[in-house]
Amino acid sequence: MYPVIDMTAGEKERKTIEAFLASPVHRLEIVIGKILTATVAILVTAALTLASVTFSIRSENFSRTPEMKAMMQTIPLDGQNLALIALTLLPLAILAASMMIAIALFARSFKEGQSYLTPLAFIVIFPALMGGLPGMELSLLTALVPILNASQLIRGILLGEWTVPVFAMTLAANVVY
């Protein structure tokens, strides 16, 4: 969120956005560059979080009891599943970056950008949490709902309960969004 605010409202505050707009680069190229920068920041954050969770689960200190250790070993965090999770997050990261930039462009200051984007963070939390609720299953219909679909798909990948058609539908829907 903060790099996006800095690339939009922060540049307005510092009066550096005029230099971009006066450069011989097309405005579309500037926007795509900002979206790619925000996407990379999102993906790096997601990768670090995923690496941290993987390390923690595999750590000897995390599992104090044999039952807990046995349960943690059942979570399939192998290379294939991590790659599927990363592929699931890629279009979602682009969507998030685009939405944040579109909203933050309306802000005139960094503080105003924070106040515009904070509600978006809360709006995203609800479908993400709903995807992890027991009894919620990923179907071709729920694969069309952004954020909820990725949350359910990641849960399905970790539980080994996903299918190729639902994965493809989720990926296709998030690419379209």
Protein backbone atom coordinates (compact mmCIF):
# COMPACT_ATOMS: atom_id res chain seq x y z
CA MET A 1 0.00 0.00 0.00
CA TYR A 2 2.73 2.47 0.94
CA PRO A 3 4.76 2.22 -2.30
CA VAL A 4 1.55 2.82 -4.25
CA ILE A 5 0.71 5.89 -2.19
CA ASP A 6 4.24 7.20 -2.65
CA MET A 7 4.11 6.63 -6.43
CA THR A 8 0.83 8.54 -6.74
CA ALA A 9 -0.07 10.98 -3.99
CA GLY A 10 3.54 11.24 -2.78
CA GLU A 11 4.64 12.40 -6.22
CA LYS A 12 1.85 14.95 -6.28
CA GLU A 13 2.97 16.26 -2.89
CA ARG A 14 6.64 16.47 -3.94
CA LYS A 15 5.63 17.91 -7.34
CA THR A 16 7.65 15.22 -9.17
CA ILE A 17 4.74 13.80 -11.16
CA GLU A 18 5.00 16.73 -13.56
CA ALA A 19 8.46 15.56 -14.60
CA PHE A 20 7.03 12.18 -15.56
CA LEU A 21 4.18 13.71 -17.48
CA ALA A 22 6.51 16.09 -19.33
CA SER A 23 8.92 13.29 -20.33
CA PRO A 24 8.78 11.75 -23.83
CA VAL A 25 7.37 8.54 -22.34
CA HIS A 26 3.72 7.75 -23.01
CA ARG A 27 1.38 8.03 -20.05
CA LEU A 28 0.33 4.41 -20.49
CA GLU A 29 3.96 3.35 -20.05
CA ILE A 30 4.18 5.36 -16.82
CA VAL A 31 1.02 3.70 -15.49
CA ILE A 32 2.19 0.22 -16.48
CA GLY A 33 5.55 0.88 -14.83
CA LYS A 34 3.84 1.92 -11.61
CA ILE A 35 1.57 -1.14 -11.71
CA LEU A 36 4.54 -3.45 -12.29
CA THR A 37 6.47 -1.83 -9.44
CA ALA A 38 3.53 -2.25 -7.07
CA THR A 39 3.02 -5.84 -8.28
CA VAL A 40 6.65 -6.69 -7.59
CA ALA A 41 6.35 -5.21 -4.08
CA ILE A 42 3.22 -7.30 -3.45
CA LEU A 43 4.80 -10.49 -4.79
CA VAL A 44 8.01 -9.99 -2.79
CA THR A 45 5.93 -9.51 0.35
CA ALA A 46 3.89 -12.64 -0.45
CA ALA A 47 7.06 -14.66 -1.17
CA LEU A 48 8.67 -13.58 2.09
CA THR A 49 5.49 -14.43 4.00
CA LEU A 50 5.23 -17.83 2.33
CA ALA A 51 8.91 -18.55 3.00
CA SER A 52 8.49 -17.54 6.62
CA VAL A 53 5.45 -19.77 7.08
CA THR A 54 7.20 -22.69 5.37
CA PHE A 55 10.30 -22.25 7.53
CA SER A 56 8.23 -21.94 10.69
CA ILE A 57 6.18 -25.04 9.99
CA ARG A 58 9.27 -27.07 9.14
CA SER A 59 11.21 -25.74 12.14
CA GLU A 60 11.92 -28.07 15.04
CA ASN A 61 11.06 -25.35 17.58
CA PHE A 62 7.59 -24.80 16.11
CA SER A 63 6.31 -28.28 16.91
CA ARG A 64 6.69 -28.84 20.63
CA THR A 65 4.68 -32.06 20.83
CA PRO A 66 4.91 -35.14 18.58
CA GLU A 67 1.23 -34.75 17.65
CA MET A 68 1.77 -31.16 16.54
CA LYS A 69 4.88 -32.16 14.57
CA ALA A 70 2.99 -34.98 12.84
CA MET A 71 0.14 -32.61 11.97
CA MET A 72 2.50 -29.97 10.57
CA GLN A 73 4.24 -32.56 8.40
CA THR A 74 0.93 -33.28 6.65
CA ILE A 75 0.86 -29.77 5.16
CA PRO A 76 2.20 -30.23 1.61
CA LEU A 77 4.57 -27.29 1.19
CA ASP A 78 6.64 -28.82 -1.58
CA GLY A 79 7.92 -27.03 -4.67
CA GLN A 80 4.92 -27.87 -6.83
CA ASN A 81 2.37 -26.55 -4.32
CA LEU A 82 4.42 -23.42 -3.66
CA ALA A 83 4.56 -22.81 -7.42
CA LEU A 84 0.77 -23.27 -7.69
CA ILE A 85 0.25 -20.80 -4.85
CA ALA A 86 2.60 -18.30 -6.53
CA LEU A 87 0.74 -18.72 -9.84
CA THR A 88 -2.54 -18.13 -8.01
CA LEU A 89 -1.20 -14.94 -6.43
CA LEU A 90 0.25 -13.40 -9.63
CA PRO A 91 -2.99 -12.15 -11.25
CA LEU A 92 -4.34 -11.24 -7.83
CA ALA A 93 -1.26 -9.09 -7.18
CA ILE A 94 -1.73 -7.30 -10.50
CA LEU A 95 -5.39 -6.71 -9.66
CA ALA A 96 -4.52 -5.37 -6.21
CA ALA A 97 -1.81 -3.09 -7.57
CA SER A 98 -4.13 -1.72 -10.26
CA MET A 99 -6.96 -1.08 -7.81
CA MET A 100 -4.69 0.62 -5.29
CA ILE A 101 -3.15 2.87 -7.95
CA ALA A 102 -6.57 3.78 -9.35
CA ILE A 103 -7.79 4.77 -5.88
CA ALA A 104 -4.59 6.46 -4.72
CA LEU A 105 -4.53 8.68 -7.81
CA PHE A 106 -7.43 10.64 -6.34
CA ALA A 107 -5.44 11.55 -3.24
CA ARG A 108 -3.58 14.86 -3.08
CA SER A 109 -1.34 13.93 -0.14
CA PHE A 110 0.24 10.84 1.40
CA LYS A 111 -2.10 11.08 4.40
CA GLU A 112 -5.14 11.35 2.16
CA GLY A 113 -3.89 8.33 0.19
CA GLN A 114 -3.73 6.31 3.41
CA SER A 115 -7.27 7.27 4.29
CA TYR A 116 -8.48 6.24 0.81
CA LEU A 117 -6.69 2.87 0.75
CA THR A 118 -7.26 1.72 4.33
CA PRO A 119 -10.94 0.85 3.70
CA LEU A 120 -9.83 -1.21 0.69
CA ALA A 121 -7.65 -3.31 2.99
CA PHE A 122 -10.64 -3.99 5.23
CA ILE A 123 -12.87 -4.82 2.25
CA VAL A 124 -10.32 -7.38 1.01
CA ILE A 125 -10.01 -9.10 4.39
CA PHE A 126 -13.61 -10.37 4.47
CA PRO A 127 -13.59 -12.48 1.26
CA ALA A 128 -10.08 -13.68 2.09
CA LEU A 129 -11.20 -14.92 5.50
CA MET A 130 -14.43 -16.38 4.12
CA GLY A 131 -12.38 -18.56 1.77
CA GLY A 132 -10.78 -20.29 4.76
CA LEU A 133 -14.01 -21.06 6.61
CA PRO A 134 -14.93 -24.71 7.07
CA GLY A 135 -17.68 -25.83 4.76
CA MET A 136 -16.77 -23.36 2.03
CA GLU A 137 -15.86 -25.24 -1.13
CA LEU A 138 -14.34 -23.92 -4.32
CA SER A 139 -16.69 -24.53 -7.22
CA LEU A 140 -16.83 -23.15 -10.73
CA LEU A 141 -19.26 -20.48 -9.47
CA THR A 142 -17.18 -19.33 -6.48
CA ALA A 143 -14.11 -19.39 -8.74
CA LEU A 144 -15.53 -16.25 -10.33
CA VAL A 145 -15.49 -14.19 -7.10
CA PRO A 146 -12.20 -12.28 -6.79
CA ILE A 147 -10.13 -12.72 -3.62
CA LEU A 148 -12.53 -15.39 -2.32
CA ASN A 149 -11.53 -17.63 -5.21
CA ALA A 150 -7.79 -17.25 -4.57
CA SER A 151 -8.25 -17.80 -0.83
CA GLN A 152 -10.26 -20.96 -1.42
CA LEU A 153 -7.84 -22.20 -4.07
CA ILE A 154 -4.81 -21.74 -1.81
CA ARG A 155 -6.69 -23.57 0.95
CA GLY A 156 -7.53 -26.33 -1.54
CA ILE A 157 -3.90 -26.58 -2.65
CA LEU A 158 -2.74 -26.93 0.95
CA LEU A 159 -5.40 -29.55 1.68
CA GLY A 160 -4.92 -31.37 -1.63
CA GLU A 161 -8.53 -30.68 -2.61
CA TRP A 162 -8.25 -28.81 -5.89
CA THR A 163 -8.99 -29.71 -9.49
CA VAL A 164 -7.50 -28.45 -12.72
CA PRO A 165 -10.78 -26.98 -14.09
CA VAL A 166 -11.39 -24.97 -10.91
CA PHE A 167 -7.75 -23.85 -10.85
CA ALA A 168 -8.01 -22.75 -14.49
CA MET A 169 -11.32 -20.94 -13.87
CA THR A 170 -9.89 -19.12 -10.84
CA LEU A 171 -6.78 -18.12 -12.74
CA ALA A 172 -8.79 -17.02 -15.81
CA ALA A 173 -11.23 -14.98 -13.71
CA ASN A 174 -8.44 -13.17 -11.88
CA VAL A 175 -6.58 -12.48 -15.14
CA VAL A 176 -9.76 -10.94 -16.60
CA TYR A 177 -10.29 -8.81 -13.47
